mmCIF file of all heavy atoms, coordinates in Angstrom:
data_MODEL
# 
_entry.id   MODEL 
# 
loop_
_atom_site.group_PDB 
_atom_site.id 
_atom_site.type_symbol 
_atom_site.label_atom_id 
_atom_site.label_alt_id 
_atom_site.label_comp_id 
_atom_site.label_asym_id 
_atom_site.label_entity_id 
_atom_site.label_seq_id 
_atom_site.pdbx_PDB_ins_code 
_atom_site.Cartn_x 
_atom_site.Cartn_y 
_atom_site.Cartn_z 
_atom_site.occupancy 
_atom_site.B_iso_or_equiv 
_atom_site.pdbx_formal_charge 
_atom_site.auth_seq_id 
_atom_site.auth_comp_id 
_atom_site.auth_asym_id 
_atom_site.auth_atom_id 
_atom_site.pdbx_PDB_model_num 
ATOM 1   N N   . ARG A 1 1  ? -8.027  -3.795  -2.777  1.00 0.00 ? 1  ARG A N   1 
ATOM 2   C CA  . ARG A 1 1  ? -8.616  -2.512  -3.174  1.00 0.00 ? 1  ARG A CA  1 
ATOM 3   C C   . ARG A 1 1  ? -7.911  -1.350  -2.490  1.00 0.00 ? 1  ARG A C   1 
ATOM 4   O O   . ARG A 1 1  ? -7.583  -0.342  -3.118  1.00 0.00 ? 1  ARG A O   1 
ATOM 5   C CB  . ARG A 1 1  ? -10.106 -2.512  -2.835  1.00 0.00 ? 1  ARG A CB  1 
ATOM 6   C CG  . ARG A 1 1  ? -10.864 -1.273  -3.288  1.00 0.00 ? 1  ARG A CG  1 
ATOM 7   C CD  . ARG A 1 1  ? -12.280 -1.273  -2.745  1.00 0.00 ? 1  ARG A CD  1 
ATOM 8   N NE  . ARG A 1 1  ? -12.293 -1.207  -1.301  1.00 0.00 ? 1  ARG A NE  1 
ATOM 9   C CZ  . ARG A 1 1  ? -12.117 -0.086  -0.596  1.00 0.00 ? 1  ARG A CZ  1 
ATOM 10  N NH1 . ARG A 1 1  ? -11.909 1.065   -1.221  1.00 0.00 ? 1  ARG A NH1 1 
ATOM 11  N NH2 . ARG A 1 1  ? -12.148 -0.108  0.724   1.00 0.00 ? 1  ARG A NH2 1 
ATOM 12  N N   . ASN A 1 2  ? -7.668  -1.504  -1.191  1.00 0.00 ? 2  ASN A N   1 
ATOM 13  C CA  . ASN A 1 2  ? -6.997  -0.454  -0.433  1.00 0.00 ? 2  ASN A CA  1 
ATOM 14  C C   . ASN A 1 2  ? -5.560  -0.263  -0.918  1.00 0.00 ? 2  ASN A C   1 
ATOM 15  O O   . ASN A 1 2  ? -5.060  0.860   -1.033  1.00 0.00 ? 2  ASN A O   1 
ATOM 16  C CB  . ASN A 1 2  ? -7.004  -0.798  1.057   1.00 0.00 ? 2  ASN A CB  1 
ATOM 17  C CG  . ASN A 1 2  ? -6.773  0.412   1.933   1.00 0.00 ? 2  ASN A CG  1 
ATOM 18  O OD1 . ASN A 1 2  ? -7.418  1.440   1.780   1.00 0.00 ? 2  ASN A OD1 1 
ATOM 19  N ND2 . ASN A 1 2  ? -5.829  0.313   2.846   1.00 0.00 ? 2  ASN A ND2 1 
ATOM 20  N N   . SER A 1 3  ? -4.892  -1.384  -1.218  1.00 0.00 ? 3  SER A N   1 
ATOM 21  C CA  . SER A 1 3  ? -3.520  -1.331  -1.735  1.00 0.00 ? 3  SER A CA  1 
ATOM 22  C C   . SER A 1 3  ? -3.478  -0.599  -3.073  1.00 0.00 ? 3  SER A C   1 
ATOM 23  O O   . SER A 1 3  ? -2.602  0.242   -3.314  1.00 0.00 ? 3  SER A O   1 
ATOM 24  C CB  . SER A 1 3  ? -2.964  -2.751  -1.919  1.00 0.00 ? 3  SER A CB  1 
ATOM 25  O OG  . SER A 1 3  ? -2.958  -3.458  -0.710  1.00 0.00 ? 3  SER A OG  1 
ATOM 26  N N   . GLN A 1 4  ? -4.428  -0.913  -3.929  1.00 0.00 ? 4  GLN A N   1 
ATOM 27  C CA  . GLN A 1 4  ? -4.483  -0.296  -5.254  1.00 0.00 ? 4  GLN A CA  1 
ATOM 28  C C   . GLN A 1 4  ? -4.632  1.220   -5.148  1.00 0.00 ? 4  GLN A C   1 
ATOM 29  O O   . GLN A 1 4  ? -3.939  1.990   -5.836  1.00 0.00 ? 4  GLN A O   1 
ATOM 30  C CB  . GLN A 1 4  ? -5.655  -0.884  -6.045  1.00 0.00 ? 4  GLN A CB  1 
ATOM 31  C CG  . GLN A 1 4  ? -5.694  -0.421  -7.509  1.00 0.00 ? 4  GLN A CG  1 
ATOM 32  C CD  . GLN A 1 4  ? -6.953  -0.890  -8.201  1.00 0.00 ? 4  GLN A CD  1 
ATOM 33  O OE1 . GLN A 1 4  ? -8.058  -0.679  -7.700  1.00 0.00 ? 4  GLN A OE1 1 
ATOM 34  N NE2 . GLN A 1 4  ? -6.805  -1.536  -9.340  1.00 0.00 ? 4  GLN A NE2 1 
ATOM 35  N N   . MET A 1 5  ? -5.527  1.677   -4.254  1.00 0.00 ? 5  MET A N   1 
ATOM 36  C CA  . MET A 1 5  ? -5.731  3.118   -4.076  1.00 0.00 ? 5  MET A CA  1 
ATOM 37  C C   . MET A 1 5  ? -4.488  3.793   -3.510  1.00 0.00 ? 5  MET A C   1 
ATOM 38  O O   . MET A 1 5  ? -4.113  4.885   -3.939  1.00 0.00 ? 5  MET A O   1 
ATOM 39  C CB  . MET A 1 5  ? -6.927  3.361   -3.157  1.00 0.00 ? 5  MET A CB  1 
ATOM 40  C CG  . MET A 1 5  ? -8.263  3.093   -3.809  1.00 0.00 ? 5  MET A CG  1 
ATOM 41  S SD  . MET A 1 5  ? -9.642  3.832   -2.895  1.00 0.00 ? 5  MET A SD  1 
ATOM 42  C CE  . MET A 1 5  ? -9.451  3.042   -1.314  1.00 0.00 ? 5  MET A CE  1 
ATOM 43  N N   . MET A 1 6  ? -3.831  3.123   -2.546  1.00 0.00 ? 6  MET A N   1 
ATOM 44  C CA  . MET A 1 6  ? -2.639  3.714   -1.942  1.00 0.00 ? 6  MET A CA  1 
ATOM 45  C C   . MET A 1 6  ? -1.492  3.813   -2.940  1.00 0.00 ? 6  MET A C   1 
ATOM 46  O O   . MET A 1 6  ? -0.730  4.787   -2.944  1.00 0.00 ? 6  MET A O   1 
ATOM 47  C CB  . MET A 1 6  ? -2.210  2.878   -0.729  1.00 0.00 ? 6  MET A CB  1 
ATOM 48  C CG  . MET A 1 6  ? -3.155  2.982   0.453   1.00 0.00 ? 6  MET A CG  1 
ATOM 49  S SD  . MET A 1 6  ? -2.553  2.103   1.908   1.00 0.00 ? 6  MET A SD  1 
ATOM 50  C CE  . MET A 1 6  ? -1.210  3.195   2.417   1.00 0.00 ? 6  MET A CE  1 
ATOM 51  N N   . ILE A 1 7  ? -1.348  2.821   -3.811  1.00 0.00 ? 7  ILE A N   1 
ATOM 52  C CA  . ILE A 1 7  ? -0.304  2.860   -4.846  1.00 0.00 ? 7  ILE A CA  1 
ATOM 53  C C   . ILE A 1 7  ? -0.545  4.038   -5.787  1.00 0.00 ? 7  ILE A C   1 
ATOM 54  O O   . ILE A 1 7  ? 0.375   4.748   -6.176  1.00 0.00 ? 7  ILE A O   1 
ATOM 55  C CB  . ILE A 1 7  ? -0.273  1.534   -5.627  1.00 0.00 ? 7  ILE A CB  1 
ATOM 56  C CG1 . ILE A 1 7  ? 0.248   0.406   -4.732  1.00 0.00 ? 7  ILE A CG1 1 
ATOM 57  C CG2 . ILE A 1 7  ? 0.608   1.651   -6.876  1.00 0.00 ? 7  ILE A CG2 1 
ATOM 58  C CD1 . ILE A 1 7  ? 0.051   -0.981  -5.310  1.00 0.00 ? 7  ILE A CD1 1 
ATOM 59  N N   . GLN A 1 8  ? -1.828  4.266   -6.122  1.00 0.00 ? 8  GLN A N   1 
ATOM 60  C CA  . GLN A 1 8  ? -2.169  5.326   -7.067  1.00 0.00 ? 8  GLN A CA  1 
ATOM 61  C C   . GLN A 1 8  ? -2.132  6.728   -6.453  1.00 0.00 ? 8  GLN A C   1 
ATOM 62  O O   . GLN A 1 8  ? -1.697  7.673   -7.101  1.00 0.00 ? 8  GLN A O   1 
ATOM 63  C CB  . GLN A 1 8  ? -3.571  5.071   -7.643  1.00 0.00 ? 8  GLN A CB  1 
ATOM 64  C CG  . GLN A 1 8  ? -3.646  3.907   -8.608  1.00 0.00 ? 8  GLN A CG  1 
ATOM 65  C CD  . GLN A 1 8  ? -5.064  3.711   -9.115  1.00 0.00 ? 8  GLN A CD  1 
ATOM 66  O OE1 . GLN A 1 8  ? -5.932  3.234   -8.395  1.00 0.00 ? 8  GLN A OE1 1 
ATOM 67  N NE2 . GLN A 1 8  ? -5.310  4.102   -10.344 1.00 0.00 ? 8  GLN A NE2 1 
ATOM 68  N N   . PHE A 1 9  ? -2.596  6.846   -5.202  1.00 0.00 ? 9  PHE A N   1 
ATOM 69  C CA  . PHE A 1 9  ? -2.844  8.178   -4.660  1.00 0.00 ? 9  PHE A CA  1 
ATOM 70  C C   . PHE A 1 9  ? -2.023  8.550   -3.428  1.00 0.00 ? 9  PHE A C   1 
ATOM 71  O O   . PHE A 1 9  ? -2.271  9.587   -2.824  1.00 0.00 ? 9  PHE A O   1 
ATOM 72  C CB  . PHE A 1 9  ? -4.341  8.323   -4.331  1.00 0.00 ? 9  PHE A CB  1 
ATOM 73  C CG  . PHE A 1 9  ? -5.229  8.037   -5.507  1.00 0.00 ? 9  PHE A CG  1 
ATOM 74  C CD1 . PHE A 1 9  ? -6.056  6.926   -5.509  1.00 0.00 ? 9  PHE A CD1 1 
ATOM 75  C CD2 . PHE A 1 9  ? -5.228  8.863   -6.622  1.00 0.00 ? 9  PHE A CD2 1 
ATOM 76  C CE1 . PHE A 1 9  ? -6.883  6.644   -6.593  1.00 0.00 ? 9  PHE A CE1 1 
ATOM 77  C CE2 . PHE A 1 9  ? -6.037  8.596   -7.710  1.00 0.00 ? 9  PHE A CE2 1 
ATOM 78  C CZ  . PHE A 1 9  ? -6.872  7.485   -7.704  1.00 0.00 ? 9  PHE A CZ  1 
ATOM 79  N N   . SER A 1 10 ? -1.068  7.706   -3.030  1.00 0.00 ? 10 SER A N   1 
ATOM 80  C CA  . SER A 1 10 ? -0.229  8.057   -1.881  1.00 0.00 ? 10 SER A CA  1 
ATOM 81  C C   . SER A 1 10 ? 1.246   7.960   -2.265  1.00 0.00 ? 10 SER A C   1 
ATOM 82  O O   . SER A 1 10 ? 1.595   7.397   -3.304  1.00 0.00 ? 10 SER A O   1 
ATOM 83  C CB  . SER A 1 10 ? -0.509  7.133   -0.687  1.00 0.00 ? 10 SER A CB  1 
ATOM 84  O OG  . SER A 1 10 ? 0.148   5.901   -0.824  1.00 0.00 ? 10 SER A OG  1 
ATOM 85  N N   . ASP A 1 11 ? 2.088   8.517   -1.407  1.00 0.00 ? 11 ASP A N   1 
ATOM 86  C CA  . ASP A 1 11 ? 3.535   8.457   -1.638  1.00 0.00 ? 11 ASP A CA  1 
ATOM 87  C C   . ASP A 1 11 ? 4.207   7.355   -0.819  1.00 0.00 ? 11 ASP A C   1 
ATOM 88  O O   . ASP A 1 11 ? 5.429   7.275   -0.757  1.00 0.00 ? 11 ASP A O   1 
ATOM 89  C CB  . ASP A 1 11 ? 4.179   9.809   -1.282  1.00 0.00 ? 11 ASP A CB  1 
ATOM 90  C CG  . ASP A 1 11 ? 3.716   10.908  -2.234  1.00 0.00 ? 11 ASP A CG  1 
ATOM 91  O OD1 . ASP A 1 11 ? 3.526   10.609  -3.423  1.00 0.00 ? 11 ASP A OD1 1 
ATOM 92  O OD2 . ASP A 1 11 ? 3.534   12.052  -1.772  1.00 0.00 ? 11 ASP A OD2 1 
ATOM 93  N N   . GLU A 1 12 ? 3.398   6.518   -0.166  1.00 0.00 ? 12 GLU A N   1 
ATOM 94  C CA  . GLU A 1 12 ? 3.957   5.399   0.603   1.00 0.00 ? 12 GLU A CA  1 
ATOM 95  C C   . GLU A 1 12 ? 4.702   4.444   -0.321  1.00 0.00 ? 12 GLU A C   1 
ATOM 96  O O   . GLU A 1 12 ? 4.298   4.228   -1.464  1.00 0.00 ? 12 GLU A O   1 
ATOM 97  C CB  . GLU A 1 12 ? 2.831   4.627   1.314   1.00 0.00 ? 12 GLU A CB  1 
ATOM 98  C CG  . GLU A 1 12 ? 2.122   5.383   2.412   1.00 0.00 ? 12 GLU A CG  1 
ATOM 99  C CD  . GLU A 1 12 ? 2.910   5.378   3.715   1.00 0.00 ? 12 GLU A CD  1 
ATOM 100 O OE1 . GLU A 1 12 ? 3.945   4.691   3.790   1.00 0.00 ? 12 GLU A OE1 1 
ATOM 101 O OE2 . GLU A 1 12 ? 2.477   6.082   4.653   1.00 0.00 ? 12 GLU A OE2 1 
ATOM 102 N N   . SER A 1 13 ? 5.797   3.868   0.185   1.00 0.00 ? 13 SER A N   1 
ATOM 103 C CA  . SER A 1 13 ? 6.517   2.875   -0.602  1.00 0.00 ? 13 SER A CA  1 
ATOM 104 C C   . SER A 1 13 ? 5.660   1.621   -0.740  1.00 0.00 ? 13 SER A C   1 
ATOM 105 O O   . SER A 1 13 ? 4.779   1.359   0.087   1.00 0.00 ? 13 SER A O   1 
ATOM 106 C CB  . SER A 1 13 ? 7.837   2.508   0.077   1.00 0.00 ? 13 SER A CB  1 
ATOM 107 O OG  . SER A 1 13 ? 7.603   1.811   1.283   1.00 0.00 ? 13 SER A OG  1 
ATOM 108 N N   . ILE A 1 14 ? 5.928   0.836   -1.770  1.00 0.00 ? 14 ILE A N   1 
ATOM 109 C CA  . ILE A 1 14 ? 5.158   -0.394  -1.990  1.00 0.00 ? 14 ILE A CA  1 
ATOM 110 C C   . ILE A 1 14 ? 5.354   -1.361  -0.822  1.00 0.00 ? 14 ILE A C   1 
ATOM 111 O O   . ILE A 1 14 ? 4.430   -2.065  -0.408  1.00 0.00 ? 14 ILE A O   1 
ATOM 112 C CB  . ILE A 1 14 ? 5.549   -1.038  -3.337  1.00 0.00 ? 14 ILE A CB  1 
ATOM 113 C CG1 . ILE A 1 14 ? 5.046   -0.141  -4.482  1.00 0.00 ? 14 ILE A CG1 1 
ATOM 114 C CG2 . ILE A 1 14 ? 4.957   -2.440  -3.476  1.00 0.00 ? 14 ILE A CG2 1 
ATOM 115 C CD1 . ILE A 1 14 ? 5.438   -0.597  -5.856  1.00 0.00 ? 14 ILE A CD1 1 
ATOM 116 N N   . LYS A 1 15 ? 6.544   -1.348  -0.237  1.00 0.00 ? 15 LYS A N   1 
ATOM 117 C CA  . LYS A 1 15 ? 6.804   -2.205  0.923   1.00 0.00 ? 15 LYS A CA  1 
ATOM 118 C C   . LYS A 1 15 ? 5.904   -1.797  2.095   1.00 0.00 ? 15 LYS A C   1 
ATOM 119 O O   . LYS A 1 15 ? 5.325   -2.653  2.777   1.00 0.00 ? 15 LYS A O   1 
ATOM 120 C CB  . LYS A 1 15 ? 8.282   -2.107  1.326   1.00 0.00 ? 15 LYS A CB  1 
ATOM 121 C CG  . LYS A 1 15 ? 8.673   -3.033  2.456   1.00 0.00 ? 15 LYS A CG  1 
ATOM 122 C CD  . LYS A 1 15 ? 10.157  -2.933  2.762   1.00 0.00 ? 15 LYS A CD  1 
ATOM 123 C CE  . LYS A 1 15 ? 10.551  -3.880  3.896   1.00 0.00 ? 15 LYS A CE  1 
ATOM 124 N NZ  . LYS A 1 15 ? 11.995  -3.791  4.219   1.00 0.00 ? 15 LYS A NZ  1 
ATOM 125 N N   . SER A 1 16 ? 5.778   -0.496  2.324   1.00 0.00 ? 16 SER A N   1 
ATOM 126 C CA  . SER A 1 16 ? 4.912   0.007   3.407   1.00 0.00 ? 16 SER A CA  1 
ATOM 127 C C   . SER A 1 16 ? 3.455   -0.329  3.147   1.00 0.00 ? 16 SER A C   1 
ATOM 128 O O   . SER A 1 16 ? 2.716   -0.724  4.054   1.00 0.00 ? 16 SER A O   1 
ATOM 129 C CB  . SER A 1 16 ? 5.032   1.521   3.538   1.00 0.00 ? 16 SER A CB  1 
ATOM 130 O OG  . SER A 1 16 ? 6.133   1.868   4.317   1.00 0.00 ? 16 SER A OG  1 
ATOM 131 N N   . ILE A 1 17 ? 3.040   -0.167  1.891   1.00 0.00 ? 17 ILE A N   1 
ATOM 132 C CA  . ILE A 1 17 ? 1.650   -0.451  1.515   1.00 0.00 ? 17 ILE A CA  1 
ATOM 133 C C   . ILE A 1 17 ? 1.333   -1.926  1.760   1.00 0.00 ? 17 ILE A C   1 
ATOM 134 O O   . ILE A 1 17 ? 0.255   -2.269  2.254   1.00 0.00 ? 17 ILE A O   1 
ATOM 135 C CB  . ILE A 1 17 ? 1.397   -0.061  0.040   1.00 0.00 ? 17 ILE A CB  1 
ATOM 136 C CG1 . ILE A 1 17 ? 1.455   1.465   -0.108  1.00 0.00 ? 17 ILE A CG1 1 
ATOM 137 C CG2 . ILE A 1 17 ? 0.055   -0.594  -0.449  1.00 0.00 ? 17 ILE A CG2 1 
ATOM 138 C CD1 . ILE A 1 17 ? 1.436   1.959   -1.531  1.00 0.00 ? 17 ILE A CD1 1 
ATOM 139 N N   . ALA A 1 18 ? 2.276   -2.793  1.424   1.00 0.00 ? 18 ALA A N   1 
ATOM 140 C CA  . ALA A 1 18 ? 2.093   -4.231  1.655   1.00 0.00 ? 18 ALA A CA  1 
ATOM 141 C C   . ALA A 1 18 ? 1.883   -4.498  3.141   1.00 0.00 ? 18 ALA A C   1 
ATOM 142 O O   . ALA A 1 18 ? 0.963   -5.222  3.542   1.00 0.00 ? 18 ALA A O   1 
ATOM 143 C CB  . ALA A 1 18 ? 3.295   -5.008  1.137   1.00 0.00 ? 18 ALA A CB  1 
ATOM 144 N N   . HIS A 1 19 ? 2.713   -3.880  3.988   1.00 0.00 ? 19 HIS A N   1 
ATOM 145 C CA  . HIS A 1 19 ? 2.629   -4.093  5.440   1.00 0.00 ? 19 HIS A CA  1 
ATOM 146 C C   . HIS A 1 19 ? 1.337   -3.526  6.015   1.00 0.00 ? 19 HIS A C   1 
ATOM 147 O O   . HIS A 1 19 ? 0.673   -4.177  6.833   1.00 0.00 ? 19 HIS A O   1 
ATOM 148 C CB  . HIS A 1 19 ? 3.835   -3.426  6.113   1.00 0.00 ? 19 HIS A CB  1 
ATOM 149 C CG  . HIS A 1 19 ? 3.820   -3.550  7.610   1.00 0.00 ? 19 HIS A CG  1 
ATOM 150 N ND1 . HIS A 1 19 ? 3.994   -4.751  8.255   1.00 0.00 ? 19 HIS A ND1 1 
ATOM 151 C CD2 . HIS A 1 19 ? 3.626   -2.614  8.569   1.00 0.00 ? 19 HIS A CD2 1 
ATOM 152 C CE1 . HIS A 1 19 ? 3.907   -4.547  9.567   1.00 0.00 ? 19 HIS A CE1 1 
ATOM 153 N NE2 . HIS A 1 19 ? 3.690   -3.264  9.775   1.00 0.00 ? 19 HIS A NE2 1 
ATOM 154 N N   . ILE A 1 20 ? 0.950   -2.325  5.570   1.00 0.00 ? 20 ILE A N   1 
ATOM 155 C CA  . ILE A 1 20 ? -0.268  -1.668  6.061   1.00 0.00 ? 20 ILE A CA  1 
ATOM 156 C C   . ILE A 1 20 ? -1.504  -2.515  5.776   1.00 0.00 ? 20 ILE A C   1 
ATOM 157 O O   . ILE A 1 20 ? -2.461  -2.513  6.554   1.00 0.00 ? 20 ILE A O   1 
ATOM 158 C CB  . ILE A 1 20 ? -0.408  -0.271  5.426   1.00 0.00 ? 20 ILE A CB  1 
ATOM 159 C CG1 . ILE A 1 20 ? 0.645   0.683   6.019   1.00 0.00 ? 20 ILE A CG1 1 
ATOM 160 C CG2 . ILE A 1 20 ? -1.815  0.304   5.600   1.00 0.00 ? 20 ILE A CG2 1 
ATOM 161 C CD1 . ILE A 1 20 ? 0.790   1.982   5.274   1.00 0.00 ? 20 ILE A CD1 1 
ATOM 162 N N   . ASN A 1 21 ? -1.461  -3.270  4.678   1.00 0.00 ? 21 ASN A N   1 
ATOM 163 C CA  . ASN A 1 21 ? -2.629  -4.052  4.271   1.00 0.00 ? 21 ASN A CA  1 
ATOM 164 C C   . ASN A 1 21 ? -2.519  -5.532  4.611   1.00 0.00 ? 21 ASN A C   1 
ATOM 165 O O   . ASN A 1 21 ? -3.229  -6.364  4.051   1.00 0.00 ? 21 ASN A O   1 
ATOM 166 C CB  . ASN A 1 21 ? -2.882  -3.855  2.774   1.00 0.00 ? 21 ASN A CB  1 
ATOM 167 C CG  . ASN A 1 21 ? -3.412  -2.468  2.475   1.00 0.00 ? 21 ASN A CG  1 
ATOM 168 O OD1 . ASN A 1 21 ? -4.570  -2.162  2.717   1.00 0.00 ? 21 ASN A OD1 1 
ATOM 169 N ND2 . ASN A 1 21 ? -2.543  -1.599  1.971   1.00 0.00 ? 21 ASN A ND2 1 
ATOM 170 N N   . GLY A 1 22 ? -1.635  -5.844  5.566   1.00 0.00 ? 22 GLY A N   1 
ATOM 171 C CA  . GLY A 1 22 ? -1.631  -7.179  6.140   1.00 0.00 ? 22 GLY A CA  1 
ATOM 172 C C   . GLY A 1 22 ? -0.822  -8.234  5.420   1.00 0.00 ? 22 GLY A C   1 
ATOM 173 O O   . GLY A 1 22 ? -0.970  -9.426  5.712   1.00 0.00 ? 22 GLY A O   1 
ATOM 174 N N   . PHE A 1 23 ? 0.041   -7.834  4.482   1.00 0.00 ? 23 PHE A N   1 
ATOM 175 C CA  . PHE A 1 23 ? 0.882   -8.805  3.790   1.00 0.00 ? 23 PHE A CA  1 
ATOM 176 C C   . PHE A 1 23 ? 2.240   -8.890  4.487   1.00 0.00 ? 23 PHE A C   1 
ATOM 177 O O   . PHE A 1 23 ? 2.838   -7.868  4.823   1.00 0.00 ? 23 PHE A O   1 
ATOM 178 C CB  . PHE A 1 23 ? 1.062   -8.417  2.323   1.00 0.00 ? 23 PHE A CB  1 
ATOM 179 C CG  . PHE A 1 23 ? -0.212  -8.512  1.514   1.00 0.00 ? 23 PHE A CG  1 
ATOM 180 C CD1 . PHE A 1 23 ? -1.043  -7.411  1.372   1.00 0.00 ? 23 PHE A CD1 1 
ATOM 181 C CD2 . PHE A 1 23 ? -0.582  -9.703  0.911   1.00 0.00 ? 23 PHE A CD2 1 
ATOM 182 C CE1 . PHE A 1 23 ? -2.222  -7.492  0.647   1.00 0.00 ? 23 PHE A CE1 1 
ATOM 183 C CE2 . PHE A 1 23 ? -1.754  -9.802  0.176   1.00 0.00 ? 23 PHE A CE2 1 
ATOM 184 C CZ  . PHE A 1 23 ? -2.578  -8.686  0.049   1.00 0.00 ? 23 PHE A CZ  1 
ATOM 185 N N   . LYS A 1 24 ? 2.711   -10.105 4.703   1.00 0.00 ? 24 LYS A N   1 
ATOM 186 C CA  . LYS A 1 24 ? 3.924   -10.319 5.494   1.00 0.00 ? 24 LYS A CA  1 
ATOM 187 C C   . LYS A 1 24 ? 5.197   -9.894  4.750   1.00 0.00 ? 24 LYS A C   1 
ATOM 188 O O   . LYS A 1 24 ? 6.166   -9.466  5.353   1.00 0.00 ? 24 LYS A O   1 
ATOM 189 C CB  . LYS A 1 24 ? 4.045   -11.800 5.883   1.00 0.00 ? 24 LYS A CB  1 
ATOM 190 C CG  . LYS A 1 24 ? 2.904   -12.296 6.751   1.00 0.00 ? 24 LYS A CG  1 
ATOM 191 C CD  . LYS A 1 24 ? 2.863   -11.572 8.082   1.00 0.00 ? 24 LYS A CD  1 
ATOM 192 C CE  . LYS A 1 24 ? 1.776   -12.108 8.985   1.00 0.00 ? 24 LYS A CE  1 
ATOM 193 N NZ  . LYS A 1 24 ? 1.625   -11.339 10.220  1.00 0.00 ? 24 LYS A NZ  1 
# 
């Protein structure tokens, strides 16, 4: 859920979003 919101509403790269949400 958090990843989905960040992809839609932030400028973070998908790689950063993955790391922020605990994916290796």
